[in-house]
Protein backbone atom coordinates (compact mmCIF):
# COMPACT_ATOMS: atom_id res chain seq x y z
CA MET A 1 1.87 -24.42 -4.26
CA GLN A 2 -0.85 -21.81 -4.30
CA ILE A 3 0.05 -18.23 -5.28
CA ILE A 4 -2.56 -15.50 -4.61
CA ASN A 5 -2.40 -12.41 -6.87
CA THR A 6 -4.02 -9.16 -5.66
CA ILE A 7 -3.82 -5.44 -6.38
CA GLY A 8 -3.59 -2.48 -4.08
CA ARG A 9 -3.92 1.22 -4.98
CA ARG A 10 -3.25 4.46 -3.14
CA LYS A 11 -3.19 7.92 -4.82
CA THR A 12 -1.50 7.17 -8.14
CA SER A 13 0.48 4.12 -6.88
CA ILE A 14 -0.42 0.62 -8.05
CA ALA A 15 0.98 -2.46 -6.41
CA ARG A 16 0.58 -6.01 -7.80
CA VAL A 17 1.12 -8.38 -4.92
CA TYR A 18 1.90 -12.19 -5.19
CA VAL A 19 1.68 -14.08 -1.87
CA GLN A 20 2.51 -17.73 -1.26
CA PRO A 21 3.21 -19.79 1.78
CA GLY A 22 6.98 -19.61 2.61
CA LYS A 23 9.52 -18.41 5.08
CA GLY A 24 8.89 -14.66 5.17
CA ASP A 25 10.79 -13.18 2.19
CA ILE A 26 9.43 -9.88 0.94
CA LYS A 27 10.70 -8.60 -2.44
CA VAL A 28 9.66 -5.25 -3.92
CA ASN A 29 10.50 -4.71 -7.60
CA ALA A 30 13.05 -7.57 -7.43
CA ARG A 31 14.80 -5.93 -4.42
CA GLU A 32 14.73 -6.66 -0.66
CA LEU A 33 12.15 -4.80 1.43
CA LYS A 34 14.87 -2.99 3.43
CA GLU A 35 16.66 -1.95 0.20
CA TYR A 36 13.50 -0.55 -1.53
CA PHE A 37 11.78 1.04 1.46
CA ILE A 38 14.67 2.49 3.32
CA SER A 39 12.57 4.23 5.97
CA GLU A 40 11.60 2.11 8.96
CA ILE A 41 8.13 3.67 8.92
CA HIS A 42 7.47 2.50 5.42
CA GLN A 43 8.73 -1.06 6.21
CA THR A 44 6.39 -1.21 9.16
CA THR A 45 3.51 0.00 6.95
CA VAL A 46 4.14 -2.82 4.49
CA LYS A 47 4.31 -5.47 7.23
CA GLN A 48 1.28 -4.17 9.11
CA PRO A 49 -1.28 -6.80 7.75
CA LEU A 50 1.10 -9.65 8.52
CA ALA A 51 1.65 -8.30 12.07
CA ALA A 52 -2.08 -7.85 12.55
CA ILE A 53 -2.86 -11.62 12.03
CA LYS A 54 0.46 -12.65 13.60
CA ALA A 55 1.75 -14.26 10.38
CA GLU A 56 5.23 -12.73 10.04
CA GLY A 57 7.58 -15.34 8.60
CA GLN A 58 4.83 -17.53 7.18
CA TYR A 59 4.38 -16.03 3.68
CA ASP A 60 6.69 -15.06 0.82
CA VAL A 61 5.54 -11.85 -0.79
CA THR A 62 6.64 -10.59 -4.26
CA ILE A 63 5.45 -7.11 -5.18
CA ASN A 64 5.59 -5.04 -8.38
CA VAL A 65 4.82 -1.38 -7.53
CA GLU A 66 4.80 1.67 -9.76
CA GLY A 67 3.59 5.29 -9.72
CA GLY A 68 3.30 7.85 -7.07
CA GLY A 69 5.70 8.51 -4.19
CA ILE A 70 7.24 6.19 -1.68
CA LYS A 71 4.57 6.64 0.99
CA GLY A 72 1.72 6.04 -1.53
CA GLN A 73 3.53 2.91 -2.80
CA ALA A 74 4.00 1.54 0.79
CA GLU A 75 0.28 1.97 1.42
CA ALA A 76 -0.73 0.45 -1.89
CA VAL A 77 1.45 -2.57 -0.97
CA ARG A 78 -0.17 -2.79 2.50
CA LEU A 79 -3.60 -2.91 0.88
CA GLY A 80 -2.57 -5.65 -1.56
CA ILE A 81 -0.98 -7.84 1.14
CA ALA A 82 -4.14 -7.47 3.32
CA ARG A 83 -6.39 -8.54 0.42
CA ALA A 84 -4.17 -11.57 -0.34
CA LEU A 85 -4.22 -12.69 3.35
CA VAL A 86 -8.02 -12.61 3.31
CA GLU A 87 -8.01 -14.91 0.32
CA PHE A 88 -5.60 -17.32 2.14
CA ASN A 89 -7.45 -17.22 5.45
CA ALA A 90 -11.04 -15.94 5.59
CA GLU A 91 -11.04 -15.85 9.43
CA SER A 92 -8.43 -12.96 9.32
CA LYS A 93 -10.93 -10.67 7.57
CA PRO A 94 -12.58 -9.22 10.74
CA THR A 95 -9.18 -8.48 12.30
CA LEU A 96 -7.84 -6.79 9.21
CA ARG A 97 -11.10 -4.90 8.70
CA LYS A 98 -11.04 -3.64 12.35
CA GLU A 99 -7.52 -2.37 11.76
CA GLY A 100 -8.65 -0.57 8.71
CA LEU A 101 -6.30 -2.39 6.40
CA LEU A 102 -9.00 -3.57 3.90
CA THR A 103 -10.33 -0.08 3.11
CA ARG A 104 -9.05 1.56 -0.06
CA ASP A 105 -8.11 5.15 0.81
CA SER A 106 -9.82 7.01 -2.01
CA ARG A 107 -8.27 10.41 -1.28
CA MET A 108 -6.55 11.87 -4.34
CA VAL A 109 -4.86 15.16 -5.22
CA GLU A 110 -7.43 17.82 -6.08
CA ARG A 111 -6.94 19.17 -9.60
CA LYS A 112 -5.76 22.65 -10.26
CA LYS A 113 -8.69 24.97 -11.39
CA PRO A 114 -8.30 27.65 -14.10
CA GLY A 115 -8.00 31.22 -12.74
CA ARG A 116 -6.43 29.91 -9.58
CA ARG A 117 -2.72 29.46 -8.54
CA LYS A 118 -3.31 25.96 -7.19
CA ALA A 119 -6.40 23.84 -6.56
CA ARG A 120 -7.92 26.32 -4.05
CA ARG A 121 -5.36 29.08 -3.63
CA ARG A 122 -6.39 32.25 -5.54
CA PHE A 123 -3.98 34.78 -7.02
CA GLN A 124 -3.12 37.63 -4.73
CA PHE A 125 -5.75 40.36 -4.78
CA SER A 126 -4.64 43.94 -4.84
CA LYS A 127 -7.35 46.55 -3.97
CA ARG A 128 -5.17 49.52 -5.11
């Protein structure tokens, strides 16, 4: 049985994804998907690549994810699953690419600058 190992990143989250043919089990950090990602929106985000190529229930997915917040983790997992599906089935690449699921979102938090309160926010100026 072939197991595909890929990685997905988003902000500071890193997801290591292992995909193999199976009956549709998705485990995140040794917990069920619904138990780890409680929000329905995040569950949908994770399943998006499988739904795009109509492959729900065909692959078992095991995920180790760390860093960042829950949304960043869900999007990192989504990228990892999409990359693994392309390795399994090259014909799915145009579909996933069109949906924007194979593009790494490179936006990161802008660093705080010295002499400022936040990244761009200046300290309050008083004329008098």
